[in-house]
């Protein structure tokens, strides 16, 4: 895992050919519509949660930039009227390609660290893997005044189950809507 994070940092720093005034820092907040996909998920219903975090946009060229983020967000699912809440501290590293001024397509990997998991009655953190890798695809729009909007689909690449003897392989999926602001 340390190697993956080191590679991500090196790629970001190697591509930065801009002065510090062009790098923007900001925050965002939004809604998640999340569930799981995989084995035996026919009776699974999605949950609605929130996301909040900080981000920086590092321009590489006029059309391309990197956007590392540090996000807290809720995932989970409903099963037989029981809500399972999975909350992660996630680090997405998003590549953004600007189609026209303000409008961008975005994609990139993320690593999430499970902070807590619970159902309607008790903590269930020991039933889930503590690390979740995923991939993001989305679209965003940034206004000249720093306000930005985003819609993103997240697809988990890691089996979230961590129970010996359970062979079901399930992955987090989710749709995020967010609004943010670049401070400077």
C-alpha atoms as a PDB file:
ATOM      1  CA  UNK A   1       0.000   0.000   0.000  1.00  0.00           C
ATOM      2  CA  UNK A   2       2.882   2.376   0.767  1.00  0.00           C
ATOM      3  CA  UNK A   3       4.254   1.728  -2.711  1.00  0.00           C
ATOM      4  CA  UNK A   4       0.919   2.646  -4.334  1.00  0.00           C
ATOM      5  CA  UNK A   5       0.702   5.919  -2.398  1.00  0.00           C
ATOM      6  CA  UNK A   6       4.356   6.710  -3.233  1.00  0.00           C
ATOM      7  CA  UNK A   7       3.741   6.101  -6.951  1.00  0.00           C
ATOM      8  CA  UNK A   8       0.666   8.357  -6.895  1.00  0.00           C
ATOM      9  CA  UNK A   9       2.641  11.163  -5.217  1.00  0.00           C
ATOM     10  CA  UNK A  10       5.556  10.800  -7.660  1.00  0.00           C
ATOM     11  CA  UNK A  11       3.220  10.901 -10.673  1.00  0.00           C
ATOM     12  CA  UNK A  12       1.551  14.043  -9.370  1.00  0.00           C
ATOM     13  CA  UNK A  13       4.807  15.810  -8.540  1.00  0.00           C
ATOM     14  CA  UNK A  14       6.519  14.729 -11.777  1.00  0.00           C
ATOM     15  CA  UNK A  15       3.727  16.219 -13.863  1.00  0.00           C
ATOM     16  CA  UNK A  16       3.549  19.532 -12.052  1.00  0.00           C
ATOM     17  CA  UNK A  17       5.047  22.168 -14.309  1.00  0.00           C
ATOM     18  CA  UNK A  18       3.190  25.167 -12.966  1.00  0.00           C
ATOM     19  CA  UNK A  19       3.833  27.850 -10.431  1.00  0.00           C
ATOM     20  CA  UNK A  20       2.212  27.683  -7.019  1.00  0.00           C
ATOM     21  CA  UNK A  21      -0.275  30.487  -7.735  1.00  0.00           C
ATOM     22  CA  UNK A  22      -2.124  28.255 -10.233  1.00  0.00           C
ATOM     23  CA  UNK A  23      -2.671  25.432  -7.714  1.00  0.00           C
ATOM     24  CA  UNK A  24      -6.111  25.767  -6.145  1.00  0.00           C
ATOM     25  CA  UNK A  25      -7.254  24.503  -2.726  1.00  0.00           C
ATOM     26  CA  UNK A  26     -10.860  23.959  -1.748  1.00  0.00           C
ATOM     27  CA  UNK A  27     -13.539  21.966   0.014  1.00  0.00           C
ATOM     28  CA  UNK A  28     -16.679  20.145  -1.056  1.00  0.00           C
ATOM     29  CA  UNK A  29     -19.775  18.513   0.357  1.00  0.00           C
ATOM     30  CA  UNK A  30     -22.478  16.382  -1.173  1.00  0.00           C
ATOM     31  CA  UNK A  31     -24.751  13.363  -1.220  1.00  0.00           C
ATOM     32  CA  UNK A  32     -23.967   9.691  -1.845  1.00  0.00           C
ATOM     33  CA  UNK A  33     -26.364   7.120  -3.195  1.00  0.00           C
ATOM     34  CA  UNK A  34     -24.557   3.866  -2.351  1.00  0.00           C
ATOM     35  CA  UNK A  35     -24.991   0.120  -2.382  1.00  0.00           C
ATOM     36  CA  UNK A  36     -23.052  -3.068  -3.080  1.00  0.00           C
ATOM     37  CA  UNK A  37     -22.833  -5.362  -6.086  1.00  0.00           C
ATOM     38  CA  UNK A  38     -21.699  -8.957  -6.250  1.00  0.00           C
ATOM     39  CA  UNK A  39     -22.849 -12.311  -4.998  1.00  0.00           C
ATOM     40  CA  UNK A  40     -26.356 -12.683  -3.553  1.00  0.00           C
ATOM     41  CA  UNK A  41     -27.242  -8.991  -3.710  1.00  0.00           C
ATOM     42  CA  UNK A  42     -30.719  -9.409  -5.211  1.00  0.00           C
ATOM     43  CA  UNK A  43     -32.467  -8.181  -2.040  1.00  0.00           C
ATOM     44  CA  UNK A  44     -30.074  -5.301  -1.421  1.00  0.00           C
ATOM     45  CA  UNK A  45     -31.354  -1.728  -1.515  1.00  0.00           C
ATOM     46  CA  UNK A  46     -29.220   1.436  -1.677  1.00  0.00           C
ATOM     47  CA  UNK A  47     -28.711   3.956   1.108  1.00  0.00           C
ATOM     48  CA  UNK A  48     -28.345   7.719   0.972  1.00  0.00           C
ATOM     49  CA  UNK A  49     -25.469   9.296   2.886  1.00  0.00           C
ATOM     50  CA  UNK A  50     -23.137  12.285   2.578  1.00  0.00           C
ATOM     51  CA  UNK A  51     -19.583  13.166   1.603  1.00  0.00           C
ATOM     52  CA  UNK A  52     -17.343  15.974   2.781  1.00  0.00           C
ATOM     53  CA  UNK A  53     -13.697  16.755   2.193  1.00  0.00           C
ATOM     54  CA  UNK A  54     -10.855  18.903   0.979  1.00  0.00           C
ATOM     55  CA  UNK A  55      -9.196  18.962  -2.425  1.00  0.00           C
ATOM     56  CA  UNK A  56      -6.536  20.610  -4.491  1.00  0.00           C
ATOM     57  CA  UNK A  57      -6.409  21.079  -8.245  1.00  0.00           C
ATOM     58  CA  UNK A  58      -2.962  20.943  -9.841  1.00  0.00           C
ATOM     59  CA  UNK A  59      -2.947  22.114 -13.479  1.00  0.00           C
ATOM     60  CA  UNK A  60      -0.652  20.207 -15.822  1.00  0.00           C
ATOM     61  CA  UNK A  61      -1.714  21.960 -19.020  1.00  0.00           C
ATOM     62  CA  UNK A  62      -4.587  24.141 -20.208  1.00  0.00           C
ATOM     63  CA  UNK A  63      -6.792  21.058 -20.704  1.00  0.00           C
ATOM     64  CA  UNK A  64      -5.549  18.620 -18.043  1.00  0.00           C
ATOM     65  CA  UNK A  65      -5.143  18.699 -14.257  1.00  0.00           C
ATOM     66  CA  UNK A  66      -4.849  16.381 -11.266  1.00  0.00           C
ATOM     67  CA  UNK A  67      -7.188  16.699  -8.303  1.00  0.00           C
ATOM     68  CA  UNK A  68      -6.101  14.812  -5.159  1.00  0.00           C
ATOM     69  CA  UNK A  69      -8.787  14.746  -2.466  1.00  0.00           C
ATOM     70  CA  UNK A  70      -9.185  13.706   1.155  1.00  0.00           C
ATOM     71  CA  UNK A  71     -12.816  12.699   1.651  1.00  0.00           C
ATOM     72  CA  UNK A  72     -15.025  11.320   4.392  1.00  0.00           C
ATOM     73  CA  UNK A  73     -18.017   9.544   2.919  1.00  0.00           C
ATOM     74  CA  UNK A  74     -20.744   7.093   3.741  1.00  0.00           C
ATOM     75  CA  UNK A  75     -21.340   3.885   1.848  1.00  0.00           C
ATOM     76  CA  UNK A  76     -23.524   0.959   2.774  1.00  0.00           C
ATOM     77  CA  UNK A  77     -26.735  -0.830   1.904  1.00  0.00           C
ATOM     78  CA  UNK A  78     -30.108  -1.975   3.200  1.00  0.00           C
ATOM     79  CA  UNK A  79     -30.816  -5.679   3.634  1.00  0.00           C
ATOM     80  CA  UNK A  80     -34.132  -6.976   5.025  1.00  0.00           C
ATOM     81  CA  UNK A  81     -34.979  -3.578   6.583  1.00  0.00           C
ATOM     82  CA  UNK A  82     -31.540  -3.467   8.251  1.00  0.00           C
ATOM     83  CA  UNK A  83     -29.277  -0.552   7.286  1.00  0.00           C
ATOM     84  CA  UNK A  84     -25.574  -1.325   7.085  1.00  0.00           C
ATOM     85  CA  UNK A  85     -23.484   1.858   7.324  1.00  0.00           C
ATOM     86  CA  UNK A  86     -19.893   1.771   6.062  1.00  0.00           C
ATOM     87  CA  UNK A  87     -17.945   5.002   6.553  1.00  0.00           C
ATOM     88  CA  UNK A  88     -14.597   5.609   4.884  1.00  0.00           C
ATOM     89  CA  UNK A  89     -11.760   8.091   4.823  1.00  0.00           C
ATOM     90  CA  UNK A  90     -10.924   8.048   1.124  1.00  0.00           C
ATOM     91  CA  UNK A  91      -8.101   9.423  -0.997  1.00  0.00           C
ATOM     92  CA  UNK A  92      -9.154   9.790  -4.643  1.00  0.00           C
ATOM     93  CA  UNK A  93      -6.584  10.995  -7.186  1.00  0.00           C
ATOM     94  CA  UNK A  94      -8.635  12.325 -10.066  1.00  0.00           C
ATOM     95  CA  UNK A  95      -7.411  13.215 -13.529  1.00  0.00           C
ATOM     96  CA  UNK A  96      -9.505  16.009 -15.058  1.00  0.00           C
ATOM     97  CA  UNK A  97      -9.773  16.764 -18.759  1.00  0.00           C
ATOM     98  CA  UNK A  98     -11.438  20.076 -19.663  1.00  0.00           C
ATOM     99  CA  UNK A  99     -13.663  19.764 -22.726  1.00  0.00           C
ATOM    100  CA  UNK A 100     -14.432  23.493 -22.713  1.00  0.00           C
ATOM    101  CA  UNK A 101     -13.864  26.224 -20.149  1.00  0.00           C
ATOM    102  CA  UNK A 102     -15.295  25.009 -16.837  1.00  0.00           C
ATOM    103  CA  UNK A 103     -16.633  21.635 -18.053  1.00  0.00           C
ATOM    104  CA  UNK A 104     -14.487  18.577 -17.365  1.00  0.00           C
ATOM    105  CA  UNK A 105     -14.522  14.811 -17.498  1.00  0.00           C
ATOM    106  CA  UNK A 106     -12.789  13.097 -14.603  1.00  0.00           C
ATOM    107  CA  UNK A 107     -11.501   9.651 -13.735  1.00  0.00           C
ATOM    108  CA  UNK A 108      -9.049   8.111 -11.320  1.00  0.00           C
ATOM    109  CA  UNK A 109      -8.333   5.614  -8.565  1.00  0.00           C
ATOM    110  CA  UNK A 110      -9.079   5.900  -4.890  1.00  0.00           C
ATOM    111  CA  UNK A 111      -8.139   4.107  -1.720  1.00  0.00           C
ATOM    112  CA  UNK A 112     -10.562   4.082   1.198  1.00  0.00           C
ATOM    113  CA  UNK A 113      -9.920   3.237   4.835  1.00  0.00           C
ATOM    114  CA  UNK A 114     -12.907   1.883   6.762  1.00  0.00           C
ATOM    115  CA  UNK A 115     -13.430   4.066   9.845  1.00  0.00           C
ATOM    116  CA  UNK A 116     -16.496   2.306  11.163  1.00  0.00           C
ATOM    117  CA  UNK A 117     -19.234  -0.065  10.157  1.00  0.00           C
ATOM    118  CA  UNK A 118     -22.514  -0.713  11.937  1.00  0.00           C
ATOM    119  CA  UNK A 119     -25.953  -2.081  11.380  1.00  0.00           C
ATOM    120  CA  UNK A 120     -29.107  -0.887  13.125  1.00  0.00           C
ATOM    121  CA  UNK A 121     -28.054  -2.622  16.358  1.00  0.00           C
ATOM    122  CA  UNK A 122     -24.269  -2.895  16.736  1.00  0.00           C
ATOM    123  CA  UNK A 123     -20.805  -2.305  15.331  1.00  0.00           C
ATOM    124  CA  UNK A 124     -19.910  -4.656  12.487  1.00  0.00           C
ATOM    125  CA  UNK A 125     -16.457  -3.323  11.535  1.00  0.00           C
ATOM    126  CA  UNK A 126     -14.787  -6.722  11.986  1.00  0.00           C
ATOM    127  CA  UNK A 127     -17.014  -8.160   9.201  1.00  0.00           C
ATOM    128  CA  UNK A 128     -15.506  -5.877   6.538  1.00  0.00           C
ATOM    129  CA  UNK A 129     -12.056  -5.349   5.051  1.00  0.00           C
ATOM    130  CA  UNK A 130     -10.357  -2.246   6.386  1.00  0.00           C
ATOM    131  CA  UNK A 131      -9.098  -1.077   2.958  1.00  0.00           C
ATOM    132  CA  UNK A 132     -11.163  -0.587  -0.192  1.00  0.00           C
ATOM    133  CA  UNK A 133      -9.730   0.250  -3.612  1.00  0.00           C
ATOM    134  CA  UNK A 134     -11.982   1.776  -6.245  1.00  0.00           C
ATOM    135  CA  UNK A 135     -12.182   3.716  -9.480  1.00  0.00           C
ATOM    136  CA  UNK A 136     -14.069   6.963 -10.137  1.00  0.00           C
ATOM    137  CA  UNK A 137     -15.696   8.320 -13.307  1.00  0.00           C
ATOM    138  CA  UNK A 138     -17.492  11.619 -13.474  1.00  0.00           C
ATOM    139  CA  UNK A 139     -18.165  15.056 -14.823  1.00  0.00           C
ATOM    140  CA  UNK A 140     -17.648  18.439 -13.227  1.00  0.00           C
ATOM    141  CA  UNK A 141     -18.165  22.118 -13.832  1.00  0.00           C
ATOM    142  CA  UNK A 142     -16.113  24.947 -12.299  1.00  0.00           C
ATOM    143  CA  UNK A 143     -17.289  28.566 -12.317  1.00  0.00           C
ATOM    144  CA  UNK A 144     -14.854  31.481 -12.476  1.00  0.00           C
ATOM    145  CA  UNK A 145     -15.774  32.497  -8.906  1.00  0.00           C
ATOM    146  CA  UNK A 146     -14.472  29.154  -7.475  1.00  0.00           C
ATOM    147  CA  UNK A 147     -17.807  27.358  -7.047  1.00  0.00           C
ATOM    148  CA  UNK A 148     -17.760  23.902  -8.596  1.00  0.00           C
ATOM    149  CA  UNK A 149     -20.223  21.059  -9.109  1.00  0.00           C
ATOM    150  CA  UNK A 150     -19.598  17.365  -9.626  1.00  0.00           C
ATOM    151  CA  UNK A 151     -21.328  14.082 -10.372  1.00  0.00           C
ATOM    152  CA  UNK A 152     -19.277  10.925  -9.953  1.00  0.00           C
ATOM    153  CA  UNK A 153     -19.757   7.162 -10.125  1.00  0.00           C
ATOM    154  CA  UNK A 154     -17.551   5.068  -7.842  1.00  0.00           C
ATOM    155  CA  UNK A 155     -16.964   1.380  -8.464  1.00  0.00           C
ATOM    156  CA  UNK A 156     -15.161  -0.669  -5.822  1.00  0.00           C
ATOM    157  CA  UNK A 157     -12.478  -3.096  -6.930  1.00  0.00           C
ATOM    158  CA  UNK A 158     -12.020  -4.849  -3.570  1.00  0.00           C
ATOM    159  CA  UNK A 159     -14.164  -7.506  -1.939  1.00  0.00           C
ATOM    160  CA  UNK A 160     -15.487  -5.771   1.180  1.00  0.00           C
ATOM    161  CA  UNK A 161     -16.304  -9.001   3.083  1.00  0.00           C
ATOM    162  CA  UNK A 162     -13.873 -10.084   5.802  1.00  0.00           C
ATOM    163  CA  UNK A 163     -15.560 -13.107   7.338  1.00  0.00           C
ATOM    164  CA  UNK A 164     -13.880 -16.492   7.255  1.00  0.00           C
ATOM    165  CA  UNK A 165     -16.076 -19.061   5.553  1.00  0.00           C
ATOM    166  CA  UNK A 166     -18.169 -16.521   3.596  1.00  0.00           C
ATOM    167  CA  UNK A 167     -17.415 -16.922  -0.081  1.00  0.00           C
ATOM    168  CA  UNK A 168     -19.641 -14.052  -1.268  1.00  0.00           C
ATOM    169  CA  UNK A 169     -17.664 -11.349  -3.007  1.00  0.00           C
ATOM    170  CA  UNK A 170     -19.287  -7.932  -2.740  1.00  0.00           C
ATOM    171  CA  UNK A 171     -18.006  -4.517  -3.801  1.00  0.00           C
ATOM    172  CA  UNK A 172     -19.008  -0.976  -2.947  1.00  0.00           C
ATOM    173  CA  UNK A 173     -20.668   1.114  -5.644  1.00  0.00           C
ATOM    174  CA  UNK A 174     -22.030   4.598  -5.444  1.00  0.00           C
ATOM    175  CA  UNK A 175     -23.120   7.768  -7.146  1.00  0.00           C
ATOM    176  CA  UNK A 176     -21.994  11.116  -5.681  1.00  0.00           C
ATOM    177  CA  UNK A 177     -23.272  14.628  -6.215  1.00  0.00           C
ATOM    178  CA  UNK A 178     -21.222  17.445  -4.752  1.00  0.00           C
ATOM    179  CA  UNK A 179     -20.814  21.185  -4.586  1.00  0.00           C
ATOM    180  CA  UNK A 180     -17.528  22.801  -3.669  1.00  0.00           C
ATOM    181  CA  UNK A 181     -15.550  25.969  -3.508  1.00  0.00           C
ATOM    182  CA  UNK A 182     -11.928  26.710  -4.392  1.00  0.00           C
ATOM    183  CA  UNK A 183     -10.641  29.241  -1.845  1.00  0.00           C
ATOM    184  CA  UNK A 184      -7.491  30.260  -3.695  1.00  0.00           C
END
